[in-house]
C-alpha atoms as a PDB file:
ATOM      1  CA  MET A   1     -36.402 -94.299 -84.084  1.00  0.00           C
ATOM      2  CA  PRO A   2     -37.180 -91.607 -81.830  1.00  0.00           C
ATOM      3  CA  ARG A   3     -39.084 -88.783 -82.960  1.00  0.00           C
ATOM      4  CA  LEU A   4     -36.692 -85.989 -81.041  1.00  0.00           C
ATOM      5  CA  LYS A   5     -33.740 -84.617 -81.395  1.00  0.00           C
ATOM      6  CA  VAL A   6     -30.949 -86.726 -79.451  1.00  0.00           C
ATOM      7  CA  VAL A   7     -29.153 -84.101 -77.433  1.00  0.00           C
ATOM      8  CA  ASP A   8     -25.562 -85.216 -77.699  1.00  0.00           C
ATOM      9  CA  PRO A   9     -23.978 -84.408 -74.354  1.00  0.00           C
ATOM     10  CA  LYS A  10     -20.643 -83.920 -76.066  1.00  0.00           C
ATOM     11  CA  THR A  11     -21.731 -80.872 -77.964  1.00  0.00           C
ATOM     12  CA  VAL A  12     -24.336 -79.481 -76.304  1.00  0.00           C
ATOM     13  CA  MET A  13     -24.066 -75.886 -74.705  1.00  0.00           C
ATOM     14  CA  GLY A  14     -25.412 -73.993 -71.682  1.00  0.00           C
ATOM     15  CA  GLU A  15     -27.565 -75.533 -69.084  1.00  0.00           C
ATOM     16  CA  THR A  16     -28.063 -78.730 -70.424  1.00  0.00           C
ATOM     17  CA  LYS A  17     -24.355 -79.305 -70.619  1.00  0.00           C
ATOM     18  CA  GLU A  18     -23.905 -78.693 -67.129  1.00  0.00           C
ATOM     19  CA  ILE A  19     -26.792 -81.164 -66.538  1.00  0.00           C
ATOM     20  CA  PHE A  20     -24.992 -83.855 -68.068  1.00  0.00           C
ATOM     21  CA  GLU A  21     -21.874 -82.896 -66.549  1.00  0.00           C
ATOM     22  CA  THR A  22     -23.202 -83.375 -62.899  1.00  0.00           C
ATOM     23  CA  ILE A  23     -26.099 -84.763 -62.248  1.00  0.00           C
ATOM     24  CA  LEU A  24     -26.081 -86.953 -65.157  1.00  0.00           C
ATOM     25  CA  ARG A  25     -22.485 -87.742 -65.286  1.00  0.00           C
ATOM     26  CA  GLY A  26     -21.859 -90.929 -66.525  1.00  0.00           C
ATOM     27  CA  LYS A  27     -25.774 -91.604 -67.314  1.00  0.00           C
ATOM     28  CA  HIS A  28     -25.976 -90.704 -70.849  1.00  0.00           C
ATOM     29  CA  LEU A  29     -29.145 -92.599 -71.327  1.00  0.00           C
ATOM     30  CA  ASN A  30     -31.142 -92.125 -74.194  1.00  0.00           C
ATOM     31  CA  ILE A  31     -33.964 -91.384 -72.296  1.00  0.00           C
ATOM     32  CA  PHE A  32     -31.879 -88.405 -70.827  1.00  0.00           C
ATOM     33  CA  LYS A  33     -30.629 -87.500 -74.134  1.00  0.00           C
ATOM     34  CA  GLY A  34     -34.278 -86.960 -75.773  1.00  0.00           C
ATOM     35  CA  MET A  35     -35.515 -84.936 -72.164  1.00  0.00           C
ATOM     36  CA  ALA A  36     -32.711 -82.708 -72.293  1.00  0.00           C
ATOM     37  CA  ASN A  37     -34.562 -81.174 -75.648  1.00  0.00           C
ATOM     38  CA  SER A  38     -35.916 -79.446 -72.468  1.00  0.00           C
ATOM     39  CA  PRO A  39     -33.785 -78.648 -69.481  1.00  0.00           C
ATOM     40  CA  THR A  40     -36.525 -77.287 -67.453  1.00  0.00           C
ATOM     41  CA  ALA A  41     -38.474 -80.815 -67.948  1.00  0.00           C
ATOM     42  CA  LEU A  42     -35.154 -83.101 -67.622  1.00  0.00           C
ATOM     43  CA  ASN A  43     -34.192 -80.840 -64.411  1.00  0.00           C
ATOM     44  CA  GLY A  44     -37.758 -81.413 -63.203  1.00  0.00           C
ATOM     45  CA  TYR A  45     -38.026 -84.905 -63.402  1.00  0.00           C
ATOM     46  CA  LEU A  46     -34.384 -85.002 -61.754  1.00  0.00           C
ATOM     47  CA  ALA A  47     -35.483 -83.147 -58.864  1.00  0.00           C
ATOM     48  CA  LEU A  48     -38.840 -84.921 -58.379  1.00  0.00           C
ATOM     49  CA  LYS A  49     -36.887 -88.149 -58.476  1.00  0.00           C
ATOM     50  CA  GLY A  50     -34.038 -87.182 -56.258  1.00  0.00           C
ATOM     51  CA  THR A  51     -36.650 -85.594 -53.760  1.00  0.00           C
ATOM     52  CA  LEU A  52     -38.435 -88.718 -54.252  1.00  0.00           C
ATOM     53  CA  ASP A  53     -35.329 -91.182 -53.429  1.00  0.00           C
ATOM     54  CA  THR A  54     -34.958 -89.205 -50.271  1.00  0.00           C
ATOM     55  CA  GLY A  55     -38.803 -90.081 -48.907  1.00  0.00           C
ATOM     56  CA  THR A  56     -40.195 -92.582 -46.424  1.00  0.00           C
ATOM     57  CA  LEU A  57     -40.391 -95.304 -49.286  1.00  0.00           C
ATOM     58  CA  SER A  58     -37.443 -97.602 -49.772  1.00  0.00           C
ATOM     59  CA  GLU A  59     -35.766 -97.766 -53.188  1.00  0.00           C
ATOM     60  CA  ILE A  60     -37.326-101.437 -53.391  1.00  0.00           C
ATOM     61  CA  GLU A  61     -40.953-100.053 -53.022  1.00  0.00           C
ATOM     62  CA  ARG A  62     -40.193 -97.100 -55.510  1.00  0.00           C
ATOM     63  CA  GLU A  63     -39.146 -99.708 -57.761  1.00  0.00           C
ATOM     64  CA  ILE A  64     -42.147-101.795 -57.173  1.00  0.00           C
ATOM     65  CA  ILE A  65     -44.441 -98.784 -57.576  1.00  0.00           C
ATOM     66  CA  ALA A  66     -42.176 -98.267 -61.338  1.00  0.00           C
ATOM     67  CA  LEU A  67     -42.854-101.867 -62.201  1.00  0.00           C
ATOM     68  CA  VAL A  68     -45.998-101.821 -62.044  1.00  0.00           C
ATOM     69  CA  ILE A  69     -47.186 -98.709 -63.578  1.00  0.00           C
ATOM     70  CA  ALA A  70     -44.349 -99.182 -66.858  1.00  0.00           C
ATOM     71  CA  GLU A  71     -46.198-102.727 -66.941  1.00  0.00           C
ATOM     72  CA  ARG A  72     -49.663-101.525 -66.702  1.00  0.00           C
ATOM     73  CA  ASN A  73     -48.496 -98.557 -69.405  1.00  0.00           C
ATOM     74  CA  GLU A  74     -46.738-100.957 -71.579  1.00  0.00           C
ATOM     75  CA  CYS A  75     -43.328 -98.578 -71.988  1.00  0.00           C
ATOM     76  CA  ASP A  76     -40.112-101.133 -72.862  1.00  0.00           C
ATOM     77  CA  TYR A  77     -38.016 -98.400 -71.839  1.00  0.00           C
ATOM     78  CA  CYS A  78     -39.047 -98.114 -68.242  1.00  0.00           C
ATOM     79  CA  LEU A  79     -38.995-101.824 -67.850  1.00  0.00           C
ATOM     80  CA  ALA A  80     -35.734-102.454 -69.064  1.00  0.00           C
ATOM     81  CA  ALA A  81     -34.599 -99.557 -67.006  1.00  0.00           C
ATOM     82  CA  HIS A  82     -36.738-100.547 -63.642  1.00  0.00           C
ATOM     83  CA  THR A  83     -36.083-104.568 -64.030  1.00  0.00           C
ATOM     84  CA  ALA A  84     -32.161-103.510 -63.900  1.00  0.00           C
ATOM     85  CA  ALA A  85     -32.906-100.752 -61.082  1.00  0.00           C
ATOM     86  CA  GLY A  86     -35.195-103.197 -59.214  1.00  0.00           C
ATOM     87  CA  LYS A  87     -32.270-106.021 -59.670  1.00  0.00           C
ATOM     88  CA  ARG A  88     -29.362-103.356 -58.226  1.00  0.00           C
ATOM     89  CA  ALA A  89     -31.805-102.704 -54.793  1.00  0.00           C
ATOM     90  CA  GLY A  90     -32.327-106.370 -54.223  1.00  0.00           C
ATOM     91  CA  LEU A  91     -35.170-108.094 -56.460  1.00  0.00           C
ATOM     92  CA  SER A  92     -34.736-111.060 -58.046  1.00  0.00           C
ATOM     93  CA  VAL A  93     -35.895-111.434 -61.728  1.00  0.00           C
ATOM     94  CA  ASP A  94     -38.768-113.989 -60.961  1.00  0.00           C
ATOM     95  CA  ASP A  95     -39.339-110.942 -58.057  1.00  0.00           C
ATOM     96  CA  THR A  96     -39.815-108.221 -61.256  1.00  0.00           C
ATOM     97  CA  LEU A  97     -41.909-110.603 -62.923  1.00  0.00           C
ATOM     98  CA  SER A  98     -44.412-111.522 -60.087  1.00  0.00           C
ATOM     99  CA  ILE A  99     -44.680-107.476 -59.281  1.00  0.00           C
ATOM    100  CA  ARG A 100     -45.258-106.936 -63.086  1.00  0.00           C
ATOM    101  CA  GLY A 101     -47.979-109.766 -62.791  1.00  0.00           C
ATOM    102  CA  GLY A 102     -49.511-108.415 -59.931  1.00  0.00           C
ATOM    103  CA  LYS A 103     -48.670-110.872 -57.324  1.00  0.00           C
ATOM    104  CA  HIS A 104     -46.386-111.297 -55.039  1.00  0.00           C
ATOM    105  CA  ASP A 105     -45.945-113.783 -51.620  1.00  0.00           C
ATOM    106  CA  ASP A 106     -45.139-110.837 -48.933  1.00  0.00           C
ATOM    107  CA  PRO A 107     -48.332-109.341 -47.938  1.00  0.00           C
ATOM    108  CA  ARG A 108     -46.843-105.693 -47.454  1.00  0.00           C
ATOM    109  CA  ILE A 109     -45.512-105.631 -51.209  1.00  0.00           C
ATOM    110  CA  GLN A 110     -48.943-107.174 -52.287  1.00  0.00           C
ATOM    111  CA  ALA A 111     -50.534-104.161 -50.876  1.00  0.00           C
ATOM    112  CA  LEU A 112     -48.214-102.007 -52.500  1.00  0.00           C
ATOM    113  CA  ILE A 113     -48.730-103.398 -55.608  1.00  0.00           C
ATOM    114  CA  ASP A 114     -52.394-103.355 -54.959  1.00  0.00           C
ATOM    115  CA  PHE A 115     -52.671 -99.954 -54.056  1.00  0.00           C
ATOM    116  CA  THR A 116     -50.498 -98.525 -57.283  1.00  0.00           C
ATOM    117  CA  GLU A 117     -52.485-100.583 -59.779  1.00  0.00           C
ATOM    118  CA  MET A 118     -55.922 -98.939 -57.989  1.00  0.00           C
ATOM    119  CA  ILE A 119     -54.292 -95.531 -58.640  1.00  0.00           C
ATOM    120  CA  HIS A 120     -53.716 -96.612 -62.554  1.00  0.00           C
ATOM    121  CA  ALA A 121     -56.858 -98.471 -62.887  1.00  0.00           C
ATOM    122  CA  LYS A 122     -59.161 -95.535 -60.939  1.00  0.00           C
ATOM    123  CA  LYS A 123     -57.308 -92.800 -62.435  1.00  0.00           C
ATOM    124  CA  GLY A 124     -56.819 -92.183 -58.864  1.00  0.00           C
ATOM    125  CA  PHE A 125     -60.326 -92.404 -57.502  1.00  0.00           C
ATOM    126  CA  VAL A 126     -59.531 -95.031 -55.373  1.00  0.00           C
ATOM    127  CA  SER A 127     -62.084 -96.383 -52.731  1.00  0.00           C
ATOM    128  CA  ASP A 128     -62.095 -95.542 -48.927  1.00  0.00           C
ATOM    129  CA  GLY A 129     -61.193 -99.758 -48.808  1.00  0.00           C
ATOM    130  CA  ASP A 130     -58.363 -99.196 -51.602  1.00  0.00           C
ATOM    131  CA  VAL A 131     -56.895 -96.713 -49.249  1.00  0.00           C
ATOM    132  CA  GLU A 132     -57.867 -98.543 -45.979  1.00  0.00           C
ATOM    133  CA  ASP A 133     -56.070-102.144 -47.187  1.00  0.00           C
ATOM    134  CA  PHE A 134     -52.812 -99.971 -47.935  1.00  0.00           C
ATOM    135  CA  LEU A 135     -53.009 -98.727 -44.506  1.00  0.00           C
ATOM    136  CA  ALA A 136     -54.007-101.707 -42.936  1.00  0.00           C
ATOM    137  CA  ALA A 137     -50.601-103.160 -44.315  1.00  0.00           C
ATOM    138  CA  GLY A 138     -48.552-101.142 -42.595  1.00  0.00           C
ATOM    139  CA  TYR A 139     -48.208 -97.944 -44.193  1.00  0.00           C
ATOM    140  CA  ASP A 140     -49.138 -94.752 -43.221  1.00  0.00           C
ATOM    141  CA  GLU A 141     -50.995 -91.279 -45.080  1.00  0.00           C
ATOM    142  CA  GLY A 142     -47.110 -89.967 -45.875  1.00  0.00           C
ATOM    143  CA  HIS A 143     -46.509 -93.518 -47.996  1.00  0.00           C
ATOM    144  CA  VAL A 144     -50.071 -92.795 -49.720  1.00  0.00           C
ATOM    145  CA  VAL A 145     -48.742 -89.724 -50.819  1.00  0.00           C
ATOM    146  CA  GLU A 146     -45.223 -90.821 -51.896  1.00  0.00           C
ATOM    147  CA  VAL A 147     -46.786 -93.535 -53.488  1.00  0.00           C
ATOM    148  CA  VAL A 148     -49.228 -91.255 -55.614  1.00  0.00           C
ATOM    149  CA  ALA A 149     -45.984 -89.028 -56.320  1.00  0.00           C
ATOM    150  CA  ASN A 150     -44.087 -91.652 -57.558  1.00  0.00           C
ATOM    151  CA  VAL A 151     -46.934 -93.160 -59.845  1.00  0.00           C
ATOM    152  CA  ALA A 152     -47.025 -89.243 -61.383  1.00  0.00           C
ATOM    153  CA  LEU A 153     -43.184 -89.784 -61.826  1.00  0.00           C
ATOM    154  CA  ASN A 154     -43.460 -92.972 -63.997  1.00  0.00           C
ATOM    155  CA  PHE A 155     -46.200 -91.744 -65.864  1.00  0.00           C
ATOM    156  CA  PHE A 156     -44.188 -88.808 -66.896  1.00  0.00           C
ATOM    157  CA  THR A 157     -41.621 -90.968 -68.077  1.00  0.00           C
ATOM    158  CA  ASN A 158     -43.447 -93.430 -69.805  1.00  0.00           C
ATOM    159  CA  TYR A 159     -45.673 -91.047 -71.539  1.00  0.00           C
ATOM    160  CA  PHE A 160     -42.603 -89.337 -72.441  1.00  0.00           C
ATOM    161  CA  ASN A 161     -41.010 -92.526 -73.960  1.00  0.00           C
ATOM    162  CA  HIS A 162     -44.158 -93.655 -75.690  1.00  0.00           C
ATOM    163  CA  ILE A 163     -44.317 -89.927 -77.670  1.00  0.00           C
ATOM    164  CA  ASN A 164     -40.800 -89.728 -78.240  1.00  0.00           C
ATOM    165  CA  ASP A 165     -40.311 -93.510 -78.858  1.00  0.00           C
ATOM    166  CA  THR A 166     -37.336 -93.753 -76.948  1.00  0.00           C
ATOM    167  CA  GLU A 167     -34.301 -96.447 -78.237  1.00  0.00           C
ATOM    168  CA  VAL A 168     -34.271 -98.900 -75.169  1.00  0.00           C
ATOM    169  CA  ASP A 169     -30.553 -98.864 -74.447  1.00  0.00           C
ATOM    170  CA  LEU A 170     -30.431-100.892 -71.575  1.00  0.00           C
ATOM    171  CA  PRO A 171     -30.448-105.020 -71.623  1.00  0.00           C
ATOM    172  CA  ALA A 172     -34.364-105.386 -72.186  1.00  0.00           C
ATOM    173  CA  ALA A 173     -36.660-106.842 -69.694  1.00  0.00           C
ATOM    174  CA  PRO A 174     -38.022-110.183 -69.603  1.00  0.00           C
ATOM    175  CA  ASP A 175     -40.858-111.186 -71.594  1.00  0.00           C
ATOM    176  CA  PHE A 176     -43.622-111.347 -69.208  1.00  0.00           C
ATOM    177  CA  VAL A 177     -45.877-114.215 -69.812  1.00  0.00           C
ATOM    178  CA  GLY A 178     -49.096-114.588 -67.511  1.00  0.00           C
ATOM    179  CA  GLN A 179     -52.574-113.050 -66.475  1.00  0.00           C
ATOM    180  CA  ARG A 180     -52.739-109.766 -64.600  1.00  0.00           C
END
């Protein structure tokens, strides 16, 4: 059961009502209904996500980052959300599971998985070699910055869902079995 009030988009007023009627029209997910306790935080999340969606990382690359971070942070809500979003973006269920396990056959995707994992594991204190390996896979310095921004965005949602104990209102992600 969520720890924070679940905002009802039908009865809420003011700025929060406007958010649910515009940006979140038809997307009344529990994460947003919990986050709506602070319209400032909800707007901040939506603004950063919207901006990152226009960046140089593809939708699939952003979903890869989200899946890696959700798996490492053990966020069931985000695993469900990003498994579904990853599938809409073109990832197979097997892809989502291999990404969560830290492995992929495509060297460029593997480099993104590895770099994202290094950011998480080293709390951002990556080595010169970590950055060089990522750049050698065909990414550039702008991509480095966008990966960090996407990691931060996903930490926010993962931690919010942990603190709120957000009820998963999406199909659950398949169980991951294996070694990371």
